[in-house]
């Protein structure tokens, strides 16, 4: 689930903060918070990184159904995502990739599909259209 959602441009901190209530009846995922470590090493929920990070992302009905069926979006430790990706790399013989690289992959694919830099910027929650221009 986290890798699939990473393909929809989510940051790890956004993914960790998601609750099932963040998906509305139309299948839109509302990104408006992040789960991060504070200076004491405790995990806390805070508002999104920037106002541009607050956004809505349409999800495929199959994904919405799968999330609702399991009753949560993601409920494991933050490091588990990286551990899973590392195992997948070794098993499949892939080059190293991270959840953050999935964000950039999403942006690149959207641009290749003909979306404007401005639309990609809004979808991915970047504060400037310089980021999608840089990844393309």
C-alpha atoms as a PDB file:
ATOM      1  CA  UNK A   1       0.000   0.000   0.000  1.00  0.00           C
ATOM      2  CA  UNK A   2       2.704   2.582   0.835  1.00  0.00           C
ATOM      3  CA  UNK A   3       4.565   2.030  -2.432  1.00  0.00           C
ATOM      4  CA  UNK A   4       1.348   2.284  -4.417  1.00  0.00           C
ATOM      5  CA  UNK A   5       0.459   5.529  -2.624  1.00  0.00           C
ATOM      6  CA  UNK A   6       4.002   6.784  -3.192  1.00  0.00           C
ATOM      7  CA  UNK A   7       3.211   6.466  -6.878  1.00  0.00           C
ATOM      8  CA  UNK A   8       0.462   9.032  -6.268  1.00  0.00           C
ATOM      9  CA  UNK A   9       3.082  11.543  -5.060  1.00  0.00           C
ATOM     10  CA  UNK A  10       2.722  11.117  -1.291  1.00  0.00           C
ATOM     11  CA  UNK A  11       5.597  11.972   1.002  1.00  0.00           C
ATOM     12  CA  UNK A  12       6.432   9.378   3.640  1.00  0.00           C
ATOM     13  CA  UNK A  13       5.362  11.776   6.392  1.00  0.00           C
ATOM     14  CA  UNK A  14       1.999  12.317   4.664  1.00  0.00           C
ATOM     15  CA  UNK A  15       1.476   8.591   4.228  1.00  0.00           C
ATOM     16  CA  UNK A  16       2.253   7.896   7.888  1.00  0.00           C
ATOM     17  CA  UNK A  17      -0.356  10.440   9.031  1.00  0.00           C
ATOM     18  CA  UNK A  18      -3.192   9.132   6.850  1.00  0.00           C
ATOM     19  CA  UNK A  19      -6.373   7.847   8.384  1.00  0.00           C
ATOM     20  CA  UNK A  20      -9.218   6.123   6.638  1.00  0.00           C
ATOM     21  CA  UNK A  21     -11.338   9.233   7.269  1.00  0.00           C
ATOM     22  CA  UNK A  22      -9.012  11.135   4.919  1.00  0.00           C
ATOM     23  CA  UNK A  23     -10.703   9.389   1.975  1.00  0.00           C
ATOM     24  CA  UNK A  24     -14.040  10.967   1.132  1.00  0.00           C
ATOM     25  CA  UNK A  25     -17.121   9.288  -0.366  1.00  0.00           C
ATOM     26  CA  UNK A  26     -16.013  10.235  -3.890  1.00  0.00           C
ATOM     27  CA  UNK A  27     -12.635   8.506  -3.482  1.00  0.00           C
ATOM     28  CA  UNK A  28     -10.512  11.619  -3.007  1.00  0.00           C
ATOM     29  CA  UNK A  29      -7.633  11.378  -0.577  1.00  0.00           C
ATOM     30  CA  UNK A  30      -7.255  14.583   1.441  1.00  0.00           C
ATOM     31  CA  UNK A  31      -3.635  15.354   2.298  1.00  0.00           C
ATOM     32  CA  UNK A  32      -3.483  17.913   5.114  1.00  0.00           C
ATOM     33  CA  UNK A  33      -1.116  16.578   7.776  1.00  0.00           C
ATOM     34  CA  UNK A  34       2.177  14.792   8.312  1.00  0.00           C
ATOM     35  CA  UNK A  35       3.605  12.444  10.929  1.00  0.00           C
ATOM     36  CA  UNK A  36       7.165  13.386  11.814  1.00  0.00           C
ATOM     37  CA  UNK A  37       9.677  12.895  14.593  1.00  0.00           C
ATOM     38  CA  UNK A  38      10.066  15.801  16.971  1.00  0.00           C
ATOM     39  CA  UNK A  39      13.354  16.865  18.568  1.00  0.00           C
ATOM     40  CA  UNK A  40      12.842  14.230  21.297  1.00  0.00           C
ATOM     41  CA  UNK A  41      12.389  11.423  18.787  1.00  0.00           C
ATOM     42  CA  UNK A  42       8.651  11.145  19.426  1.00  0.00           C
ATOM     43  CA  UNK A  43       6.268  10.794  16.491  1.00  0.00           C
ATOM     44  CA  UNK A  44       3.796  13.677  16.230  1.00  0.00           C
ATOM     45  CA  UNK A  45       1.105  14.728  13.780  1.00  0.00           C
ATOM     46  CA  UNK A  46       1.474  18.257  12.420  1.00  0.00           C
ATOM     47  CA  UNK A  47       0.029  20.271   9.590  1.00  0.00           C
ATOM     48  CA  UNK A  48       1.291  19.779   6.043  1.00  0.00           C
ATOM     49  CA  UNK A  49       4.808  20.846   5.094  1.00  0.00           C
ATOM     50  CA  UNK A  50       3.501  23.907   3.215  1.00  0.00           C
ATOM     51  CA  UNK A  51       0.087  25.227   2.230  1.00  0.00           C
ATOM     52  CA  UNK A  52       0.805  23.873  -1.254  1.00  0.00           C
ATOM     53  CA  UNK A  53       1.226  20.417   0.289  1.00  0.00           C
ATOM     54  CA  UNK A  54      -2.442  20.418   1.317  1.00  0.00           C
ATOM     55  CA  UNK A  55      -4.242  18.829  -1.596  1.00  0.00           C
ATOM     56  CA  UNK A  56      -6.766  16.281  -2.807  1.00  0.00           C
ATOM     57  CA  UNK A  57      -5.739  13.247  -4.829  1.00  0.00           C
ATOM     58  CA  UNK A  58      -8.244  11.079  -6.707  1.00  0.00           C
ATOM     59  CA  UNK A  59      -7.688   7.389  -6.022  1.00  0.00           C
ATOM     60  CA  UNK A  60      -8.783   4.430  -8.139  1.00  0.00           C
ATOM     61  CA  UNK A  61     -11.955   2.795  -6.756  1.00  0.00           C
ATOM     62  CA  UNK A  62     -10.086  -0.508  -6.337  1.00  0.00           C
ATOM     63  CA  UNK A  63      -7.536   1.127  -4.050  1.00  0.00           C
ATOM     64  CA  UNK A  64     -10.229   2.884  -2.024  1.00  0.00           C
ATOM     65  CA  UNK A  65     -12.034  -0.448  -1.597  1.00  0.00           C
ATOM     66  CA  UNK A  66      -8.821  -2.216  -0.527  1.00  0.00           C
ATOM     67  CA  UNK A  67      -8.050   0.460   2.062  1.00  0.00           C
ATOM     68  CA  UNK A  68     -11.578   0.433   3.442  1.00  0.00           C
ATOM     69  CA  UNK A  69     -11.601  -3.359   3.536  1.00  0.00           C
ATOM     70  CA  UNK A  70      -8.406  -3.522   5.616  1.00  0.00           C
ATOM     71  CA  UNK A  71      -9.695  -0.720   7.858  1.00  0.00           C
ATOM     72  CA  UNK A  72      -6.595   1.492   7.759  1.00  0.00           C
ATOM     73  CA  UNK A  73      -4.213   3.099   5.285  1.00  0.00           C
ATOM     74  CA  UNK A  74      -0.862   2.215   6.890  1.00  0.00           C
ATOM     75  CA  UNK A  75      -0.214   1.145  10.450  1.00  0.00           C
ATOM     76  CA  UNK A  76       3.404   0.049  10.649  1.00  0.00           C
ATOM     77  CA  UNK A  77       6.658   1.794  11.564  1.00  0.00           C
ATOM     78  CA  UNK A  78       8.086   4.415   9.234  1.00  0.00           C
ATOM     79  CA  UNK A  79      11.262   2.404   8.641  1.00  0.00           C
ATOM     80  CA  UNK A  80       9.213  -0.611   7.503  1.00  0.00           C
ATOM     81  CA  UNK A  81       8.567   1.129   4.178  1.00  0.00           C
ATOM     82  CA  UNK A  82      12.282   1.459   3.419  1.00  0.00           C
ATOM     83  CA  UNK A  83      12.951  -2.089   4.631  1.00  0.00           C
ATOM     84  CA  UNK A  84      10.263  -3.459   2.311  1.00  0.00           C
ATOM     85  CA  UNK A  85      11.614  -1.473  -0.638  1.00  0.00           C
ATOM     86  CA  UNK A  86      15.162  -2.684   0.067  1.00  0.00           C
ATOM     87  CA  UNK A  87      13.966  -6.319   0.078  1.00  0.00           C
ATOM     88  CA  UNK A  88      12.052  -5.764  -3.167  1.00  0.00           C
ATOM     89  CA  UNK A  89      15.167  -4.281  -4.807  1.00  0.00           C
ATOM     90  CA  UNK A  90      17.287  -7.285  -3.831  1.00  0.00           C
ATOM     91  CA  UNK A  91      14.634  -9.839  -4.766  1.00  0.00           C
ATOM     92  CA  UNK A  92      13.838  -8.278  -8.131  1.00  0.00           C
ATOM     93  CA  UNK A  93      17.361  -7.087  -8.936  1.00  0.00           C
ATOM     94  CA  UNK A  94      16.266  -3.450  -9.205  1.00  0.00           C
ATOM     95  CA  UNK A  95      18.334  -0.305  -8.847  1.00  0.00           C
ATOM     96  CA  UNK A  96      17.970   1.465  -5.506  1.00  0.00           C
ATOM     97  CA  UNK A  97      14.776   3.480  -5.211  1.00  0.00           C
ATOM     98  CA  UNK A  98      13.012   5.268  -2.389  1.00  0.00           C
ATOM     99  CA  UNK A  99       9.475   6.335  -1.651  1.00  0.00           C
ATOM    100  CA  UNK A 100      10.563   9.893  -2.387  1.00  0.00           C
ATOM    101  CA  UNK A 101      11.764   8.832  -5.830  1.00  0.00           C
ATOM    102  CA  UNK A 102       8.229   7.528  -6.411  1.00  0.00           C
ATOM    103  CA  UNK A 103       7.014  11.139  -5.997  1.00  0.00           C
ATOM    104  CA  UNK A 104       9.363  12.267  -8.731  1.00  0.00           C
ATOM    105  CA  UNK A 105       8.405   9.328 -10.919  1.00  0.00           C
ATOM    106  CA  UNK A 106       4.760  10.336 -10.538  1.00  0.00           C
ATOM    107  CA  UNK A 107       5.544  13.906 -11.558  1.00  0.00           C
ATOM    108  CA  UNK A 108       7.583  12.772 -14.558  1.00  0.00           C
ATOM    109  CA  UNK A 109       4.841  10.435 -15.781  1.00  0.00           C
ATOM    110  CA  UNK A 110       2.186  13.156 -15.442  1.00  0.00           C
ATOM    111  CA  UNK A 111       4.302  15.538 -17.528  1.00  0.00           C
ATOM    112  CA  UNK A 112       4.895  12.804 -20.123  1.00  0.00           C
ATOM    113  CA  UNK A 113       1.117  12.318 -20.266  1.00  0.00           C
ATOM    114  CA  UNK A 114       0.705  15.981 -21.201  1.00  0.00           C
ATOM    115  CA  UNK A 115      -0.196  17.625 -17.893  1.00  0.00           C
ATOM    116  CA  UNK A 116       1.160  21.133 -17.424  1.00  0.00           C
ATOM    117  CA  UNK A 117       3.949  21.885 -14.974  1.00  0.00           C
ATOM    118  CA  UNK A 118       1.422  23.912 -12.945  1.00  0.00           C
ATOM    119  CA  UNK A 119      -1.015  20.957 -12.744  1.00  0.00           C
ATOM    120  CA  UNK A 120       1.788  18.583 -11.728  1.00  0.00           C
ATOM    121  CA  UNK A 121       2.982  21.070  -9.118  1.00  0.00           C
ATOM    122  CA  UNK A 122      -0.498  21.198  -7.565  1.00  0.00           C
ATOM    123  CA  UNK A 123      -1.072  17.434  -7.742  1.00  0.00           C
ATOM    124  CA  UNK A 124       2.255  16.614  -6.098  1.00  0.00           C
ATOM    125  CA  UNK A 125       2.073  19.418  -3.521  1.00  0.00           C
ATOM    126  CA  UNK A 126       5.189  21.284  -4.604  1.00  0.00           C
ATOM    127  CA  UNK A 127       5.380  24.978  -3.774  1.00  0.00           C
ATOM    128  CA  UNK A 128       7.034  25.883  -7.076  1.00  0.00           C
ATOM    129  CA  UNK A 129       6.787  24.618 -10.615  1.00  0.00           C
ATOM    130  CA  UNK A 130      10.602  24.506 -10.593  1.00  0.00           C
ATOM    131  CA  UNK A 131      10.454  21.002  -9.080  1.00  0.00           C
ATOM    132  CA  UNK A 132       8.461  19.370 -11.890  1.00  0.00           C
ATOM    133  CA  UNK A 133      10.618  21.215 -14.419  1.00  0.00           C
ATOM    134  CA  UNK A 134      13.763  19.895 -12.724  1.00  0.00           C
ATOM    135  CA  UNK A 135      12.593  16.265 -12.681  1.00  0.00           C
ATOM    136  CA  UNK A 136      11.429  16.197 -16.269  1.00  0.00           C
END
